[in-house]
Amino acid sequence: MTPHQPYEERIAAILLELGIPATYGSHSGVPLHREAADLVSVGADMYGRDQRLTPDVATRWQAMQAAAAQQGVSLLLVSGFRSVAYQRQIWERKLAAGESVAQILRVSAPPGYSEHHTGRAIDLTALGCDTLTEEFEGTPEFAWLAAHAGEFGFSMPYSRHNRYGFIYEPWHWSANETVA
């Protein structure tokens, strides 16, 4: 791969290297997502890592988090923007651990296809809740999000039996594009 290689070609090469079918996007319906270029810090996640989102989404996330806090609900950020390179590392770790491509595709979008690349997706959790598990659905934080996230332009794209075939992800929320 070369740094000047078109994005689609870079992603196709990565998919080939990881053993993911080149037809993944067309067969799954999952759109190719470009990496956001304009990102701002939204502070540390629950692990102390700096997280970034697009400026508009950062503003909406911080407003939503503050509104929840005013009602006694503590939304904890697990992750925000994720680069193609980082998504590839996630895949490489899973493959090295013996997981099959088919198993990984149920739980992790391939590099180039993760909503996290856009800087408009966040993963959330609650105190005392195992991260990135369906357990989050039973928390007051999830109930608050289900009732109020739409007010801030966030939705949960990976509901049960979602059109992409991903597992149910009550922790994953994404912001709609800004409407002018």
Protein backbone atom coordinates (compact mmCIF):
# COMPACT_ATOMS: atom_id res chain seq x y z
CA MET A 1 0.00 0.00 0.00
CA THR A 2 1.12 3.51 -0.70
CA PRO A 3 0.12 6.64 1.19
CA HIS A 4 -1.30 8.15 -2.01
CA GLN A 5 -3.38 5.09 -2.86
CA PRO A 6 -7.12 5.90 -3.13
CA TYR A 7 -9.07 5.10 0.04
CA GLU A 8 -11.19 2.39 -1.58
CA GLU A 9 -8.04 0.62 -2.85
CA ARG A 10 -6.39 0.86 0.60
CA ILE A 11 -9.44 -0.69 2.22
CA ALA A 12 -9.68 -3.43 -0.44
CA ALA A 13 -6.02 -4.32 0.19
CA ILE A 14 -6.58 -4.46 3.97
CA LEU A 15 -9.65 -6.68 3.54
CA LEU A 16 -7.63 -9.05 1.35
CA GLU A 17 -4.80 -9.16 3.89
CA LEU A 18 -7.28 -9.97 6.70
CA GLY A 19 -9.10 -12.65 4.68
CA ILE A 20 -12.34 -10.67 4.41
CA PRO A 21 -14.20 -11.14 1.12
CA ALA A 22 -13.76 -8.21 -1.29
CA THR A 23 -17.55 -8.24 -1.72
CA TYR A 24 -18.13 -7.57 1.99
CA GLY A 25 -19.64 -4.09 1.55
CA SER A 26 -21.91 -4.94 -1.37
CA HIS A 27 -23.17 -8.17 0.24
CA SER A 28 -23.61 -6.88 3.78
CA GLY A 29 -25.09 -3.50 2.95
CA VAL A 30 -22.67 -1.91 5.42
CA PRO A 31 -21.44 1.34 3.87
CA LEU A 32 -17.79 2.22 3.49
CA HIS A 33 -16.97 4.96 6.03
CA ARG A 34 -14.20 7.46 5.47
CA GLU A 35 -12.05 8.57 8.37
CA ALA A 36 -13.01 11.96 9.77
CA ALA A 37 -10.34 14.58 9.27
CA ASP A 38 -11.65 17.26 11.62
CA LEU A 39 -11.77 15.93 15.18
CA VAL A 40 -11.76 17.52 18.63
CA SER A 41 -11.07 16.07 22.03
CA VAL A 42 -14.03 15.26 24.27
CA GLY A 43 -11.78 14.30 27.16
CA ALA A 44 -10.81 10.96 28.59
CA ASP A 45 -12.86 7.81 28.30
CA MET A 46 -13.40 5.49 31.25
CA TYR A 47 -9.90 4.08 30.69
CA GLY A 48 -8.20 7.49 30.71
CA ARG A 49 -7.62 7.55 26.93
CA ASP A 50 -8.31 10.80 25.11
CA GLN A 51 -11.31 10.43 22.82
CA ARG A 52 -12.16 12.51 19.79
CA LEU A 53 -15.31 13.23 17.79
CA THR A 54 -16.23 15.63 15.01
CA PRO A 55 -16.84 19.14 16.39
CA ASP A 56 -20.63 19.00 15.93
CA VAL A 57 -20.93 15.55 17.49
CA ALA A 58 -18.59 16.53 20.32
CA THR A 59 -20.92 19.41 21.18
CA ARG A 60 -23.99 17.16 21.04
CA TRP A 61 -22.29 14.41 23.10
CA GLN A 62 -21.26 16.86 25.81
CA ALA A 63 -24.77 18.39 25.90
CA MET A 64 -26.34 14.93 26.14
CA GLN A 65 -23.93 13.83 28.87
CA ALA A 66 -24.63 17.02 30.84
CA ALA A 67 -28.42 16.64 30.46
CA ALA A 68 -28.21 13.06 31.68
CA ALA A 69 -26.06 14.11 34.65
CA GLN A 70 -28.65 16.74 35.62
CA GLN A 71 -31.12 13.87 35.95
CA GLY A 72 -28.70 11.74 37.98
CA VAL A 73 -27.61 9.54 35.06
CA SER A 74 -23.89 9.06 34.44
CA LEU A 75 -23.07 8.18 30.83
CA LEU A 76 -19.53 6.80 30.60
CA LEU A 77 -17.67 6.97 27.32
CA VAL A 78 -15.92 3.76 26.23
CA SER A 79 -14.81 4.91 22.79
CA GLY A 80 -15.28 7.49 20.07
CA PHE A 81 -13.29 7.96 16.85
CA ARG A 82 -11.38 4.92 15.71
CA SER A 83 -8.92 5.00 12.80
CA VAL A 84 -8.73 2.37 10.08
CA ALA A 85 -5.32 1.37 11.45
CA TYR A 86 -6.76 0.87 14.96
CA GLN A 87 -9.70 -1.12 13.59
CA ARG A 88 -7.21 -3.31 11.75
CA GLN A 89 -5.34 -3.92 15.03
CA ILE A 90 -8.60 -5.05 16.66
CA TRP A 91 -9.12 -7.50 13.82
CA GLU A 92 -5.54 -8.76 13.93
CA ARG A 93 -5.82 -9.43 17.69
CA LYS A 94 -9.03 -11.38 17.21
CA LEU A 95 -7.64 -13.40 14.32
CA ALA A 96 -4.48 -14.16 16.32
CA ALA A 97 -6.71 -15.38 19.17
CA GLY A 98 -8.21 -17.95 16.80
CA GLU A 99 -11.51 -16.28 15.96
CA SER A 100 -12.76 -16.85 12.41
CA VAL A 101 -13.57 -14.04 9.99
CA ALA A 102 -17.25 -15.04 10.17
CA GLN A 103 -17.22 -14.81 14.00
CA ILE A 104 -15.53 -11.42 13.96
CA LEU A 105 -17.89 -10.02 11.32
CA ARG A 106 -20.81 -10.52 13.74
CA VAL A 107 -19.22 -8.25 16.35
CA SER A 108 -16.69 -5.97 14.62
CA ALA A 109 -16.95 -4.07 11.38
CA PRO A 110 -13.93 -4.53 9.13
CA PRO A 111 -11.45 -1.68 8.70
CA GLY A 112 -13.09 0.93 6.49
CA TYR A 113 -16.61 -0.04 7.53
CA SER A 114 -16.75 1.00 11.19
CA GLU A 115 -19.01 3.93 12.09
CA HIS A 116 -16.29 4.92 14.52
CA HIS A 117 -14.17 6.07 11.55
CA THR A 118 -16.63 8.92 10.99
CA GLY A 119 -16.12 10.52 14.39
CA ARG A 120 -19.91 10.35 14.84
CA ALA A 121 -20.17 7.12 16.85
CA ILE A 122 -19.76 6.51 20.56
CA ASP A 123 -19.78 3.42 22.74
CA LEU A 124 -21.16 3.97 26.23
CA THR A 125 -21.49 2.12 29.50
CA ALA A 126 -22.59 2.58 33.10
CA LEU A 127 -20.78 2.17 36.40
CA GLY A 128 -20.71 -1.47 37.44
CA CYS A 129 -21.73 -2.70 33.99
CA ASP A 130 -19.48 -4.91 31.89
CA THR A 131 -18.50 -2.87 28.85
CA LEU A 132 -19.78 -3.70 25.39
CA THR A 133 -22.33 -6.24 26.58
CA GLU A 134 -26.10 -6.53 26.40
CA GLU A 135 -26.08 -6.02 30.18
CA PHE A 136 -26.08 -2.28 29.38
CA GLU A 137 -29.68 -2.60 28.16
CA GLY A 138 -30.83 -3.17 31.76
CA THR A 139 -29.28 0.02 33.16
CA PRO A 140 -30.90 3.37 33.96
CA GLU A 141 -28.35 4.87 31.55
CA PHE A 142 -29.75 2.86 28.66
CA ALA A 143 -33.32 3.73 29.65
CA TRP A 144 -32.35 7.41 29.70
CA LEU A 145 -30.70 7.12 26.26
CA ALA A 146 -33.71 5.30 24.81
CA ALA A 147 -35.93 8.15 26.00
CA HIS A 148 -33.66 11.14 25.27
CA ALA A 149 -30.79 10.40 22.84
CA GLY A 150 -32.93 11.39 19.86
CA GLU A 151 -33.24 14.91 21.30
CA PHE A 152 -29.48 15.24 20.71
CA GLY A 153 -29.51 13.59 17.28
CA PHE A 154 -28.25 10.18 18.44
CA SER A 155 -29.73 6.81 17.55
CA MET A 156 -28.85 3.15 18.16
CA PRO A 157 -28.17 1.63 14.72
CA TYR A 158 -27.50 -1.94 15.82
CA SER A 159 -30.82 -2.92 17.31
CA ARG A 160 -31.87 -6.55 17.55
CA HIS A 161 -32.04 -8.16 14.10
CA ASN A 162 -30.54 -5.08 12.43
CA ARG A 163 -30.22 -5.03 8.66
CA TYR A 164 -26.44 -5.42 8.77
CA GLY A 165 -26.37 -8.71 10.67
CA PHE A 166 -24.32 -7.27 13.54
CA ILE A 167 -25.02 -8.42 17.07
CA TYR A 168 -27.34 -6.27 19.16
CA GLU A 169 -25.29 -3.35 20.50
CA PRO A 170 -27.27 -1.31 23.04
CA TRP A 171 -24.02 0.51 23.95
CA HIS A 172 -23.34 1.84 20.41
CA TRP A 173 -24.92 5.19 19.50
CA SER A 174 -24.30 7.31 16.44
CA ALA A 175 -25.11 10.89 15.61
CA ASN A 176 -26.97 11.87 12.50
CA GLU A 177 -25.31 14.25 10.05
CA THR A 178 -25.80 17.90 10.83
CA VAL A 179 -28.80 19.28 8.99
CA ALA A 180 -28.30 22.81 7.71
